[in-house]
Amino acid sequence: MPPSETDAASLLRPDDSGQLPLASVIAHDLTGRYEGLIFDCDGTLTNSMPLHYLAWHETMTRHGIEFPEPRFYAMGGMPSEKIIEVLSSEQGVTIDVDLATEEKEAAFIARIPEVERLAHVIEIAERHLDRIAMSVASGGMRDIVADQLRTIGVADWFPVLVGSEDTELHKPEPDVFLCAAERMGIDPKRCLVFEDSPLGFEAAQRAGMDWVDVRLNA
């Protein structure tokens, strides 16, 4: 017997931090509770993080900067130029940040044809397509995010796309999610964020939005 609306509402109740269990979100319709769904791209809609790390490792090694993989995942959602500034300062390496950023992005762009969907998140988005407003809010550059969405065939699902160029402040600041909500014309409190990184979780909390950790092994 399918769960009643009351049962579903209880299963979709966030904890004190605003987090909803991924399993409950996968299993239930969200239209009665939320008016907008906001998705991160890398590691959320696309399984691109391993490709990003290859691009980072290739670029940073060339410039004599160490970037261990656990640190890479911890900095997920931070714009590339900020990552380079932080790493170069910590390691005392002088680097042309703009040039290194261009090199890293070029190394990733070359790998975009290899990008695949993150199936369980795409299924959630597809289930709510044309039934609830949806947008993408990413710490990545807008054109690169758009290329990924086209590669996996979902670009037309998201009329609103907010990238790193669209806000002055970035995750863990809430600006990217607030910008997406504003462009959708929806109260932030009626939005649900899908994210894969601690910086993104914090940004969603600070935006006053409920959120979902999409990592299956979290």
N, C-alpha and C. Protein backbone atom coordinates (compact mmCIF):
# COMPACT_ATOMS: atom_id res chain seq x y z
N MET A 1 0.86 -1.19 0.00
CA MET A 1 0.00 0.00 0.00
C MET A 1 0.89 1.24 0.00
N PRO A 2 0.66 2.21 -0.89
CA PRO A 2 1.49 3.40 -0.93
C PRO A 2 1.28 4.23 0.32
N PRO A 3 2.33 5.01 0.72
CA PRO A 3 2.20 5.80 1.93
C PRO A 3 1.18 6.91 1.75
N SER A 4 0.49 7.28 2.84
CA SER A 4 -0.46 8.38 2.80
C SER A 4 0.30 9.70 2.70
N GLU A 5 -0.44 10.80 2.39
CA GLU A 5 0.20 12.11 2.32
C GLU A 5 0.80 12.47 3.68
N THR A 6 0.15 12.08 4.76
CA THR A 6 0.67 12.37 6.09
C THR A 6 1.96 11.64 6.34
N ASP A 7 2.00 10.35 5.95
CA ASP A 7 3.23 9.57 6.10
C ASP A 7 4.36 10.17 5.27
N ALA A 8 4.06 10.54 4.02
CA ALA A 8 5.07 11.12 3.15
C ALA A 8 5.60 12.42 3.73
N ALA A 9 4.71 13.24 4.28
CA ALA A 9 5.14 14.51 4.86
C ALA A 9 6.10 14.29 6.02
N SER A 10 5.83 13.27 6.83
CA SER A 10 6.72 12.99 7.96
C SER A 10 8.08 12.50 7.48
N LEU A 11 8.09 11.72 6.43
CA LEU A 11 9.35 11.21 5.90
C LEU A 11 10.15 12.29 5.20
N LEU A 12 9.50 13.37 4.79
CA LEU A 12 10.19 14.48 4.13
C LEU A 12 10.45 15.63 5.09
N ARG A 13 10.44 15.36 6.37
CA ARG A 13 10.71 16.39 7.36
C ARG A 13 12.21 16.52 7.56
N PRO A 14 12.79 17.70 7.35
CA PRO A 14 14.24 17.86 7.51
C PRO A 14 14.66 17.83 8.97
N ASP A 15 15.94 17.56 9.21
CA ASP A 15 16.47 17.64 10.56
C ASP A 15 16.76 19.10 10.90
N ASP A 16 17.38 19.33 12.04
CA ASP A 16 17.60 20.69 12.50
C ASP A 16 18.51 21.51 11.58
N SER A 17 19.34 20.83 10.80
CA SER A 17 20.23 21.53 9.86
C SER A 17 19.57 21.80 8.52
N GLY A 18 18.36 21.23 8.33
CA GLY A 18 17.68 21.38 7.05
C GLY A 18 17.87 20.20 6.12
N GLN A 19 18.63 19.19 6.55
CA GLN A 19 18.91 18.05 5.67
C GLN A 19 17.74 17.07 5.62
N LEU A 20 17.43 16.65 4.38
CA LEU A 20 16.47 15.58 4.15
C LEU A 20 17.21 14.31 3.78
N PRO A 21 16.76 13.14 4.23
CA PRO A 21 17.41 11.89 3.85
C PRO A 21 17.27 11.63 2.34
N LEU A 22 18.36 11.25 1.71
CA LEU A 22 18.34 10.98 0.28
C LEU A 22 17.32 9.90 -0.06
N ALA A 23 17.24 8.84 0.74
CA ALA A 23 16.34 7.73 0.43
C ALA A 23 14.89 8.20 0.41
N SER A 24 14.53 9.10 1.32
CA SER A 24 13.16 9.61 1.35
C SER A 24 12.85 10.46 0.13
N VAL A 25 13.84 11.25 -0.30
CA VAL A 25 13.64 12.11 -1.47
C VAL A 25 13.51 11.26 -2.73
N ILE A 26 14.30 10.20 -2.82
CA ILE A 26 14.20 9.31 -3.98
C ILE A 26 12.82 8.66 -4.04
N ALA A 27 12.26 8.37 -2.88
CA ALA A 27 11.03 7.58 -2.84
C ALA A 27 9.75 8.40 -2.92
N HIS A 28 9.82 9.71 -2.74
CA HIS A 28 8.59 10.49 -2.61
C HIS A 28 8.51 11.66 -3.59
N ASP A 29 7.28 12.04 -3.86
CA ASP A 29 7.00 13.21 -4.68
C ASP A 29 7.26 14.47 -3.84
N LEU A 30 7.88 15.48 -4.45
CA LEU A 30 8.28 16.67 -3.71
C LEU A 30 7.37 17.86 -3.96
N THR A 31 6.43 17.72 -4.88
CA THR A 31 5.67 18.88 -5.32
C THR A 31 4.76 19.46 -4.24
N GLY A 32 4.31 18.65 -3.30
CA GLY A 32 3.44 19.17 -2.26
C GLY A 32 4.18 19.98 -1.21
N ARG A 33 5.50 19.77 -1.12
CA ARG A 33 6.27 20.42 -0.06
C ARG A 33 7.11 21.59 -0.56
N TYR A 34 7.61 21.50 -1.81
CA TYR A 34 8.51 22.52 -2.34
C TYR A 34 7.97 23.12 -3.64
N GLU A 35 8.39 24.36 -3.89
CA GLU A 35 8.02 25.03 -5.13
C GLU A 35 9.19 25.10 -6.10
N GLY A 36 10.41 24.87 -5.62
CA GLY A 36 11.59 24.92 -6.47
C GLY A 36 12.65 23.93 -6.05
N LEU A 37 13.28 23.30 -7.03
CA LEU A 37 14.40 22.39 -6.79
C LEU A 37 15.64 23.03 -7.41
N ILE A 38 16.72 23.12 -6.63
CA ILE A 38 17.96 23.72 -7.10
C ILE A 38 19.05 22.66 -7.04
N PHE A 39 19.68 22.40 -8.18
CA PHE A 39 20.70 21.36 -8.29
C PHE A 39 22.07 21.96 -8.52
N ASP A 40 23.05 21.50 -7.75
CA ASP A 40 24.44 21.69 -8.12
C ASP A 40 24.67 20.86 -9.39
N CYS A 41 25.78 21.11 -10.09
CA CYS A 41 26.06 20.32 -11.30
C CYS A 41 27.10 19.25 -11.04
N ASP A 42 28.35 19.65 -10.85
CA ASP A 42 29.45 18.69 -10.72
C ASP A 42 29.30 17.83 -9.47
N GLY A 43 29.24 16.53 -9.66
CA GLY A 43 29.08 15.61 -8.55
C GLY A 43 27.65 15.46 -8.10
N THR A 44 26.73 16.16 -8.77
CA THR A 44 25.32 16.09 -8.40
C THR A 44 24.49 15.65 -9.60
N LEU A 45 24.40 16.48 -10.62
CA LEU A 45 23.75 16.05 -11.86
C LEU A 45 24.70 15.24 -12.73
N THR A 46 25.98 15.58 -12.68
CA THR A 46 26.98 14.87 -13.49
C THR A 46 28.00 14.18 -12.60
N ASN A 47 28.45 13.04 -13.02
CA ASN A 47 29.48 12.29 -12.30
C ASN A 47 30.85 12.76 -12.79
N SER A 48 31.11 14.06 -12.62
CA SER A 48 32.26 14.70 -13.25
C SER A 48 33.46 14.87 -12.33
N MET A 49 33.29 14.63 -11.04
CA MET A 49 34.36 14.96 -10.12
C MET A 49 35.67 14.21 -10.38
N PRO A 50 35.64 12.91 -10.72
CA PRO A 50 36.90 12.26 -11.05
C PRO A 50 37.61 12.90 -12.24
N LEU A 51 36.84 13.37 -13.22
CA LEU A 51 37.43 14.05 -14.38
C LEU A 51 38.00 15.40 -13.99
N HIS A 52 37.30 16.10 -13.11
CA HIS A 52 37.83 17.37 -12.61
C HIS A 52 39.15 17.14 -11.89
N TYR A 53 39.21 16.07 -11.09
CA TYR A 53 40.45 15.85 -10.34
C TYR A 53 41.61 15.54 -11.27
N LEU A 54 41.37 14.78 -12.32
CA LEU A 54 42.44 14.53 -13.28
C LEU A 54 42.95 15.83 -13.88
N ALA A 55 42.03 16.74 -14.21
CA ALA A 55 42.42 18.03 -14.76
C ALA A 55 43.20 18.85 -13.74
N TRP A 56 42.74 18.84 -12.49
CA TRP A 56 43.45 19.55 -11.44
C TRP A 56 44.85 18.97 -11.22
N HIS A 57 44.93 17.66 -11.10
CA HIS A 57 46.23 17.03 -10.82
C HIS A 57 47.22 17.32 -11.93
N GLU A 58 46.77 17.23 -13.16
CA GLU A 58 47.62 17.51 -14.31
C GLU A 58 48.14 18.94 -14.27
N THR A 59 47.25 19.89 -13.99
CA THR A 59 47.62 21.30 -14.02
C THR A 59 48.48 21.69 -12.82
N MET A 60 48.08 21.30 -11.63
CA MET A 60 48.83 21.69 -10.44
C MET A 60 50.21 21.04 -10.40
N THR A 61 50.32 19.80 -10.84
CA THR A 61 51.63 19.15 -10.89
C THR A 61 52.58 19.92 -11.79
N ARG A 62 52.07 20.40 -12.90
CA ARG A 62 52.89 21.18 -13.84
C ARG A 62 53.42 22.46 -13.19
N HIS A 63 52.67 22.99 -12.23
CA HIS A 63 53.09 24.23 -11.56
C HIS A 63 53.75 23.98 -10.21
N GLY A 64 54.02 22.72 -9.89
CA GLY A 64 54.72 22.40 -8.65
C GLY A 64 53.88 22.54 -7.39
N ILE A 65 52.57 22.33 -7.52
CA ILE A 65 51.65 22.44 -6.38
C ILE A 65 51.03 21.08 -6.11
N GLU A 66 51.04 20.67 -4.84
CA GLU A 66 50.41 19.42 -4.45
C GLU A 66 48.93 19.66 -4.18
N PHE A 67 48.10 18.74 -4.67
CA PHE A 67 46.65 18.86 -4.45
C PHE A 67 46.10 17.46 -4.22
N PRO A 68 46.20 16.95 -2.98
CA PRO A 68 45.72 15.59 -2.68
C PRO A 68 44.22 15.47 -2.95
N GLU A 69 43.81 14.28 -3.35
CA GLU A 69 42.41 14.08 -3.72
C GLU A 69 41.42 14.37 -2.59
N PRO A 70 41.70 13.99 -1.33
CA PRO A 70 40.75 14.34 -0.27
C PRO A 70 40.57 15.86 -0.13
N ARG A 71 41.64 16.60 -0.31
CA ARG A 71 41.53 18.07 -0.23
C ARG A 71 40.68 18.60 -1.38
N PHE A 72 40.83 18.01 -2.55
CA PHE A 72 40.04 18.41 -3.71
C PHE A 72 38.54 18.27 -3.42
N TYR A 73 38.14 17.15 -2.85
CA TYR A 73 36.72 16.95 -2.56
C TYR A 73 36.24 17.89 -1.45
N ALA A 74 37.10 18.19 -0.49
CA ALA A 74 36.73 19.10 0.59
C ALA A 74 36.49 20.52 0.08
N MET A 75 37.13 20.87 -1.04
CA MET A 75 37.01 22.22 -1.60
C MET A 75 35.96 22.29 -2.71
N GLY A 76 35.18 21.22 -2.86
CA GLY A 76 34.15 21.19 -3.90
C GLY A 76 33.19 22.36 -3.77
N GLY A 77 32.89 23.02 -4.89
CA GLY A 77 32.01 24.17 -4.89
C GLY A 77 32.73 25.50 -4.89
N MET A 78 34.04 25.49 -4.62
CA MET A 78 34.84 26.71 -4.61
C MET A 78 35.33 27.00 -6.03
N PRO A 79 35.25 28.25 -6.51
CA PRO A 79 35.72 28.56 -7.86
C PRO A 79 37.20 28.22 -8.04
N SER A 80 37.58 27.87 -9.26
CA SER A 80 38.94 27.41 -9.54
C SER A 80 40.00 28.42 -9.14
N GLU A 81 39.76 29.70 -9.45
CA GLU A 81 40.78 30.69 -9.13
C GLU A 81 41.01 30.82 -7.63
N LYS A 82 39.94 30.65 -6.85
CA LYS A 82 40.08 30.71 -5.40
C LYS A 82 40.87 29.51 -4.89
N ILE A 83 40.60 28.34 -5.44
CA ILE A 83 41.35 27.14 -5.05
C ILE A 83 42.84 27.35 -5.30
N ILE A 84 43.17 27.87 -6.48
CA ILE A 84 44.58 28.08 -6.83
C ILE A 84 45.22 29.10 -5.90
N GLU A 85 44.50 30.16 -5.58
CA GLU A 85 45.02 31.17 -4.65
C GLU A 85 45.33 30.55 -3.30
N VAL A 86 44.42 29.72 -2.80
CA VAL A 86 44.60 29.10 -1.48
C VAL A 86 45.79 28.14 -1.50
N LEU A 87 45.84 27.27 -2.49
CA LEU A 87 46.92 26.27 -2.55
C LEU A 87 48.29 26.91 -2.75
N SER A 88 48.38 27.88 -3.64
CA SER A 88 49.67 28.51 -3.91
C SER A 88 50.17 29.29 -2.71
N SER A 89 49.23 29.94 -1.98
CA SER A 89 49.62 30.68 -0.77
C SER A 89 50.10 29.73 0.31
N GLU A 90 49.37 28.63 0.51
CA GLU A 90 49.75 27.66 1.53
C GLU A 90 51.11 27.05 1.26
N GLN A 91 51.42 26.81 -0.02
CA GLN A 91 52.65 26.10 -0.38
C GLN A 91 53.78 27.03 -0.83
N GLY A 92 53.54 28.34 -0.76
CA GLY A 92 54.58 29.30 -1.07
C GLY A 92 55.02 29.27 -2.52
N VAL A 93 54.09 28.98 -3.42
CA VAL A 93 54.40 28.90 -4.85
C VAL A 93 53.84 30.14 -5.56
N THR A 94 54.70 30.82 -6.31
CA THR A 94 54.26 31.97 -7.10
C THR A 94 53.67 31.45 -8.41
N ILE A 95 52.45 31.89 -8.71
CA ILE A 95 51.75 31.35 -9.88
C ILE A 95 50.86 32.43 -10.49
N ASP A 96 50.73 32.39 -11.79
CA ASP A 96 49.77 33.25 -12.49
C ASP A 96 48.40 32.59 -12.36
N VAL A 97 47.58 33.12 -11.47
CA VAL A 97 46.32 32.48 -11.14
C VAL A 97 45.40 32.40 -12.36
N ASP A 98 45.32 33.48 -13.12
CA ASP A 98 44.44 33.50 -14.30
C ASP A 98 44.87 32.47 -15.32
N LEU A 99 46.19 32.38 -15.56
CA LEU A 99 46.70 31.42 -16.54
C LEU A 99 46.47 29.99 -16.07
N ALA A 100 46.76 29.72 -14.80
CA ALA A 100 46.57 28.37 -14.27
C ALA A 100 45.09 27.98 -14.30
N THR A 101 44.22 28.94 -14.03
CA THR A 101 42.78 28.67 -14.10
C THR A 101 42.38 28.28 -15.51
N GLU A 102 42.87 29.03 -16.48
CA GLU A 102 42.57 28.73 -17.89
C GLU A 102 43.07 27.34 -18.26
N GLU A 103 44.28 26.99 -17.78
CA GLU A 103 44.85 25.68 -18.10
C GLU A 103 44.00 24.56 -17.49
N LYS A 104 43.60 24.75 -16.24
CA LYS A 104 42.79 23.72 -15.59
C LYS A 104 41.46 23.57 -16.29
N GLU A 105 40.79 24.68 -16.61
CA GLU A 105 39.48 24.59 -17.26
C GLU A 105 39.61 23.94 -18.64
N ALA A 106 40.68 24.27 -19.37
CA ALA A 106 40.90 23.67 -20.68
C ALA A 106 41.10 22.16 -20.56
N ALA A 107 41.82 21.74 -19.51
CA ALA A 107 42.06 20.31 -19.30
C ALA A 107 40.75 19.59 -19.00
N PHE A 108 39.83 20.26 -18.28
CA PHE A 108 38.54 19.64 -18.00
C PHE A 108 37.64 19.66 -19.23
N ILE A 109 37.61 20.78 -19.94
CA ILE A 109 36.77 20.89 -21.14
C ILE A 109 37.08 19.76 -22.12
N ALA A 110 38.35 19.42 -22.24
CA ALA A 110 38.74 18.34 -23.15
C ALA A 110 38.13 17.00 -22.73
N ARG A 111 37.75 16.90 -21.46
CA ARG A 111 37.19 15.65 -20.94
C ARG A 111 35.66 15.66 -20.86
N ILE A 112 35.02 16.77 -21.18
CA ILE A 112 33.56 16.85 -21.06
C ILE A 112 32.83 15.76 -21.86
N PRO A 113 33.31 15.37 -23.05
CA PRO A 113 32.63 14.27 -23.75
C PRO A 113 32.54 12.97 -22.95
N GLU A 114 33.39 12.82 -21.91
CA GLU A 114 33.38 11.63 -21.07
C GLU A 114 32.39 11.74 -19.91
N VAL A 115 31.82 12.92 -19.70
CA VAL A 115 30.93 13.14 -18.55
C VAL A 115 29.67 12.29 -18.68
N GLU A 116 29.25 11.71 -17.57
CA GLU A 116 28.04 10.89 -17.53
C GLU A 116 27.06 11.43 -16.49
N ARG A 117 25.82 11.03 -16.62
CA ARG A 117 24.79 11.40 -15.65
C ARG A 117 25.05 10.73 -14.30
N LEU A 118 24.65 11.42 -13.22
CA LEU A 118 24.56 10.75 -11.93
C LEU A 118 23.12 10.26 -11.84
N ALA A 119 22.93 8.99 -12.07
CA ALA A 119 21.61 8.45 -12.41
C ALA A 119 20.53 8.74 -11.38
N HIS A 120 20.81 8.54 -10.09
CA HIS A 120 19.74 8.68 -9.10
C HIS A 120 19.27 10.12 -8.96
N VAL A 121 20.18 11.08 -9.20
CA VAL A 121 19.78 12.50 -9.13
C VAL A 121 19.00 12.89 -10.38
N ILE A 122 19.46 12.42 -11.52
CA ILE A 122 18.75 12.69 -12.78
C ILE A 122 17.33 12.12 -12.72
N GLU A 123 17.18 10.97 -12.10
CA GLU A 123 15.84 10.37 -11.97
C GLU A 123 14.92 11.25 -11.14
N ILE A 124 15.45 11.85 -10.08
CA ILE A 124 14.64 12.76 -9.26
C ILE A 124 14.22 13.97 -10.09
N ALA A 125 15.16 14.55 -10.81
CA ALA A 125 14.85 15.72 -11.64
C ALA A 125 13.83 15.36 -12.72
N GLU A 126 14.01 14.22 -13.37
CA GLU A 126 13.10 13.83 -14.45
C GLU A 126 11.69 13.60 -13.92
N ARG A 127 11.59 13.05 -12.73
CA ARG A 127 10.28 12.77 -12.15
C ARG A 127 9.49 14.06 -11.87
N HIS A 128 10.22 15.16 -11.66
CA HIS A 128 9.55 16.43 -11.34
C HIS A 128 9.57 17.42 -12.50
N LEU A 129 10.06 16.99 -13.65
CA LEU A 129 10.15 17.86 -14.82
C LEU A 129 8.75 18.33 -15.22
N ASP A 130 8.62 19.64 -15.44
CA ASP A 130 7.36 20.28 -15.83
C ASP A 130 6.30 20.22 -14.72
N ARG A 131 6.68 19.83 -13.53
CA ARG A 131 5.74 19.78 -12.41
C ARG A 131 6.15 20.72 -11.28
N ILE A 132 7.42 21.15 -11.30
CA ILE A 132 7.98 22.02 -10.28
C ILE A 132 9.14 22.78 -10.91
N ALA A 133 9.34 24.04 -10.52
CA ALA A 133 10.44 24.84 -11.08
C ALA A 133 11.78 24.22 -10.69
N MET A 134 12.73 24.20 -11.63
CA MET A 134 14.04 23.63 -11.37
C MET A 134 15.12 24.55 -11.93
N SER A 135 16.25 24.58 -11.25
CA SER A 135 17.38 25.38 -11.70
C SER A 135 18.68 24.68 -11.33
N VAL A 136 19.77 25.18 -11.91
CA VAL A 136 21.12 24.72 -11.58
C VAL A 136 21.88 25.89 -10.99
N ALA A 137 22.55 25.66 -9.86
CA ALA A 137 23.37 26.68 -9.21
C ALA A 137 24.72 26.06 -8.87
N SER A 138 25.76 26.53 -9.54
CA SER A 138 27.07 25.87 -9.48
C SER A 138 28.18 26.87 -9.19
N GLY A 139 29.24 26.36 -8.56
CA GLY A 139 30.45 27.15 -8.39
C GLY A 139 31.32 27.15 -9.62
N GLY A 140 30.92 26.41 -10.66
CA GLY A 140 31.68 26.35 -11.90
C GLY A 140 31.30 27.47 -12.85
N MET A 141 32.11 27.63 -13.88
CA MET A 141 31.84 28.65 -14.88
C MET A 141 30.61 28.25 -15.69
N ARG A 142 29.77 29.24 -15.98
CA ARG A 142 28.46 28.98 -16.56
C ARG A 142 28.55 28.20 -17.87
N ASP A 143 29.44 28.58 -18.77
CA ASP A 143 29.53 27.91 -20.07
C ASP A 143 29.96 26.45 -19.92
N ILE A 144 30.85 26.19 -18.97
CA ILE A 144 31.33 24.82 -18.77
C ILE A 144 30.23 23.96 -18.16
N VAL A 145 29.46 24.54 -17.23
CA VAL A 145 28.32 23.83 -16.67
C VAL A 145 27.30 23.53 -17.76
N ALA A 146 27.01 24.54 -18.59
CA ALA A 146 26.04 24.35 -19.68
C ALA A 146 26.49 23.26 -20.64
N ASP A 147 27.79 23.19 -20.93
CA ASP A 147 28.31 22.14 -21.83
C ASP A 147 28.07 20.76 -21.23
N GLN A 148 28.25 20.64 -19.92
CA GLN A 148 28.00 19.35 -19.28
C GLN A 148 26.53 18.96 -19.37
N LEU A 149 25.65 19.93 -19.12
CA LEU A 149 24.22 19.63 -19.17
C LEU A 149 23.81 19.21 -20.58
N ARG A 150 24.40 19.84 -21.58
CA ARG A 150 24.10 19.44 -22.97
C ARG A 150 24.64 18.04 -23.25
N THR A 151 25.82 17.75 -22.72
CA THR A 151 26.42 16.43 -22.96
C THR A 151 25.54 15.31 -22.42
N ILE A 152 24.92 15.52 -21.27
CA ILE A 152 24.08 14.46 -20.69
C ILE A 152 22.61 14.62 -21.09
N GLY A 153 22.32 15.59 -21.95
CA GLY A 153 20.99 15.69 -22.55
C GLY A 153 19.90 16.28 -21.69
N VAL A 154 20.27 17.17 -20.73
CA VAL A 154 19.24 17.73 -19.84
C VAL A 154 19.24 19.26 -19.82
N ALA A 155 19.92 19.89 -20.75
CA ALA A 155 20.06 21.35 -20.70
C ALA A 155 18.72 22.06 -20.68
N ASP A 156 17.74 21.54 -21.42
CA ASP A 156 16.45 22.22 -21.50
C ASP A 156 15.55 21.96 -20.29
N TRP A 157 16.02 21.18 -19.32
CA TRP A 157 15.24 20.95 -18.11
C TRP A 157 15.34 22.13 -17.15
N PHE A 158 16.38 22.95 -17.31
CA PHE A 158 16.71 23.96 -16.30
C PHE A 158 16.75 25.35 -16.93
N PRO A 159 15.62 26.08 -16.92
CA PRO A 159 15.58 27.42 -17.52
C PRO A 159 16.52 28.41 -16.83
N VAL A 160 16.80 28.17 -15.56
CA VAL A 160 17.70 29.04 -14.80
C VAL A 160 19.01 28.32 -14.53
N LEU A 161 20.12 28.97 -14.88
CA LEU A 161 21.46 28.43 -14.64
C LEU A 161 22.31 29.55 -14.05
N VAL A 162 22.76 29.35 -12.82
CA VAL A 162 23.61 30.33 -12.14
C VAL A 162 25.00 29.73 -12.01
N GLY A 163 26.01 30.47 -12.50
CA GLY A 163 27.40 30.02 -12.43
C GLY A 163 28.24 30.95 -11.58
N SER A 164 29.55 30.68 -11.55
CA SER A 164 30.44 31.45 -10.67
C SER A 164 30.50 32.92 -11.05
N GLU A 165 30.23 33.25 -12.32
CA GLU A 165 30.29 34.64 -12.77
C GLU A 165 29.11 35.47 -12.26
N ASP A 166 28.07 34.81 -11.79
CA ASP A 166 26.82 35.49 -11.50
C ASP A 166 26.72 36.05 -10.08
N THR A 167 27.64 35.68 -9.21
CA THR A 167 27.63 36.20 -7.84
C THR A 167 29.05 36.58 -7.44
N GLU A 168 29.14 37.59 -6.59
CA GLU A 168 30.45 38.02 -6.11
C GLU A 168 31.01 37.05 -5.08
N LEU A 169 30.14 36.52 -4.26
CA LEU A 169 30.54 35.59 -3.21
C LEU A 169 30.12 34.18 -3.60
N HIS A 170 30.88 33.20 -3.13
CA HIS A 170 30.66 31.81 -3.54
C HIS A 170 30.53 30.90 -2.32
N LYS A 171 30.11 29.67 -2.56
CA LYS A 171 29.94 28.70 -1.48
C LYS A 171 31.19 28.69 -0.59
N PRO A 172 31.04 28.72 0.73
CA PRO A 172 29.84 28.44 1.53
C PRO A 172 28.89 29.62 1.73
N GLU A 173 29.17 30.76 1.11
CA GLU A 173 28.20 31.85 1.14
C GLU A 173 26.93 31.41 0.40
N PRO A 174 25.77 31.91 0.76
CA PRO A 174 24.51 31.42 0.19
C PRO A 174 24.12 32.04 -1.14
N ASP A 175 24.94 32.97 -1.66
CA ASP A 175 24.53 33.82 -2.78
C ASP A 175 24.07 33.06 -4.02
N VAL A 176 24.77 31.98 -4.37
CA VAL A 176 24.44 31.26 -5.61
C VAL A 176 23.04 30.66 -5.53
N PHE A 177 22.67 30.15 -4.37
CA PHE A 177 21.34 29.56 -4.21
C PHE A 177 20.26 30.63 -4.11
N LEU A 178 20.57 31.73 -3.43
CA LEU A 178 19.61 32.84 -3.35
C LEU A 178 19.37 33.45 -4.72
N CYS A 179 20.43 33.53 -5.52
CA CYS A 179 20.29 34.05 -6.89
C CYS A 179 19.38 33.14 -7.71
N ALA A 180 19.57 31.83 -7.59
CA ALA A 180 18.73 30.88 -8.33
C ALA A 180 17.27 31.02 -7.91
N ALA A 181 17.02 31.12 -6.61
CA ALA A 181 15.65 31.27 -6.13
C ALA A 181 15.01 32.55 -6.64
N GLU A 182 15.79 33.63 -6.62
CA GLU A 182 15.28 34.91 -7.10
C GLU A 182 14.92 34.84 -8.59
N ARG A 183 15.78 34.21 -9.38
CA ARG A 183 15.52 34.11 -10.82
C ARG A 183 14.35 33.18 -11.12
N MET A 184 14.09 32.22 -10.25
CA MET A 184 12.91 31.38 -10.41
C MET A 184 11.66 32.06 -9.88
N GLY A 185 11.85 33.13 -9.09
CA GLY A 185 10.71 33.82 -8.51
C GLY A 185 10.08 33.06 -7.36
N ILE A 186 10.92 32.36 -6.58
CA ILE A 186 10.41 31.50 -5.51
C ILE A 186 11.07 31.87 -4.18
N ASP A 187 10.28 31.86 -3.12
CA ASP A 187 10.78 32.09 -1.78
C ASP A 187 11.85 31.05 -1.45
N PRO A 188 13.04 31.48 -1.00
CA PRO A 188 14.09 30.51 -0.67
C PRO A 188 13.63 29.41 0.29
N LYS A 189 12.72 29.73 1.19
CA LYS A 189 12.25 28.73 2.16
C LYS A 189 11.42 27.63 1.50
N ARG A 190 11.00 27.85 0.25
CA ARG A 190 10.22 26.86 -0.48
C ARG A 190 11.08 26.12 -1.50
N CYS A 191 12.41 26.23 -1.35
CA CYS A 191 13.34 25.56 -2.27
C CYS A 191 14.07 24.41 -1.57
N LEU A 192 14.40 23.39 -2.34
CA LEU A 192 15.20 22.26 -1.88
C LEU A 192 16.45 22.18 -2.73
N VAL A 193 17.61 22.12 -2.07
CA VAL A 193 18.91 22.09 -2.75
C VAL A 193 19.46 20.67 -2.78
N PHE A 194 20.03 20.30 -3.93
CA PHE A 194 20.72 19.02 -4.09
C PHE A 194 22.20 19.31 -4.24
N GLU A 195 23.02 18.74 -3.35
CA GLU A 195 24.44 19.05 -3.29
C GLU A 195 25.26 17.81 -2.94
N ASP A 196 26.58 17.92 -3.20
CA ASP A 196 27.46 16.80 -2.88
C ASP A 196 28.65 17.22 -2.04
N SER A 197 28.77 18.50 -1.64
CA SER A 197 29.95 18.93 -0.92
C SER A 197 29.60 19.68 0.36
N PRO A 198 30.46 19.59 1.37
CA PRO A 198 30.20 20.32 2.63
C PRO A 198 30.03 21.82 2.43
N LEU A 199 30.79 22.42 1.52
CA LEU A 199 30.63 23.85 1.27
C LEU A 199 29.23 24.14 0.73
N GLY A 200 28.72 23.26 -0.12
CA GLY A 200 27.38 23.42 -0.66
C GLY A 200 26.31 23.23 0.39
N PHE A 201 26.52 22.26 1.30
CA PHE A 201 25.55 22.05 2.38
C PHE A 201 25.45 23.31 3.25
N GLU A 202 26.60 23.87 3.58
CA GLU A 202 26.61 25.07 4.41
C GLU A 202 25.94 26.24 3.70
N ALA A 203 26.21 26.37 2.40
CA ALA A 203 25.60 27.45 1.62
C ALA A 203 24.08 27.33 1.62
N ALA A 204 23.58 26.12 1.47
CA ALA A 204 22.13 25.91 1.48
C ALA A 204 21.54 26.27 2.84
N GLN A 205 22.20 25.84 3.92
CA GLN A 205 21.73 26.16 5.27
C GLN A 205 21.67 27.67 5.46
N ARG A 206 22.72 28.36 5.00
CA ARG A 206 22.79 29.81 5.19
C ARG A 206 21.78 30.53 4.30
N ALA A 207 21.33 29.87 3.25
CA ALA A 207 20.28 30.45 2.39
C ALA A 207 18.90 30.21 2.98
N GLY A 208 18.81 29.44 4.06
CA GLY A 208 17.53 29.12 4.66
C GLY A 208 16.76 28.06 3.90
N MET A 209 17.48 27.23 3.15
CA MET A 209 16.86 26.21 2.32
C MET A 209 17.10 24.82 2.89
N ASP A 210 16.14 23.91 2.70
CA ASP A 210 16.37 22.50 2.98
C ASP A 210 17.34 21.95 1.92
N TRP A 211 18.01 20.84 2.25
CA TRP A 211 19.01 20.33 1.33
C TRP A 211 19.15 18.81 1.44
N VAL A 212 19.73 18.24 0.38
CA VAL A 212 19.93 16.80 0.27
C VAL A 212 21.39 16.53 -0.08
N ASP A 213 22.03 15.64 0.66
CA ASP A 213 23.36 15.14 0.31
C ASP A 213 23.16 14.00 -0.68
N VAL A 214 23.58 14.21 -1.93
CA VAL A 214 23.28 13.22 -2.97
C VAL A 214 24.27 12.06 -3.01
N ARG A 215 25.28 12.10 -2.17
CA ARG A 215 26.31 11.04 -2.20
C ARG A 215 25.73 9.74 -1.66
N LEU A 216 25.75 8.70 -2.45
CA LEU A 216 25.17 7.42 -2.04
C LEU A 216 25.95 6.77 -0.91
N ASN A 217 27.24 7.05 -0.83
CA ASN A 217 28.08 6.39 0.18
C ASN A 217 28.34 7.29 1.39
N ALA A 218 27.58 8.39 1.51
CA ALA A 218 27.82 9.32 2.62
C ALA A 218 27.31 8.72 3.94
